[in-house]
Amino acid sequence: MPTVYFVIAVSQVQAASFAVVNAADHAAKVYAGSDEATGGGQAAHQAALFAAGDFGIGQDQLDLRISCGNGACLEAGSSVTAEVSISVPLPLLGGTGLSMATVNSSATQIVERFG
């Protein structure tokens, strides 16, 4: 039984690793392609949740932070970075709020000049 629990735990961390990379990439792309910061932030968050949801990651497990290079958001040629972290719960104890690992990823996109 401990071996099965270990395999499940490793599988959850692996799924979260794939999800965090996917979520960061999609969030950065969506934000960089948006017309305004407020709507872009909301759309980026939804894109990250949707991308992570494909790997079984829930809304309460994901944290997204958007930052802009040189403080200039959505100006042509500026950079947008999405940093995502996902908390991985202990297998079979998801409702307890206990986490066995946190995986992180970031992705940067350049805002197109001729969008």
Foldseek 3Di string as FASTA:
>chain_A
DVVVLVVVQVLLVVLQQVLQAQLQVQLQVQLLADDDNVVSNVVSLVSSQVSSVVSVAHPVFKDKDKDKPPRDGNAAFTKIKIKMKGFGARPPPVVPPHGPDIDIDMDMDGRHNVD
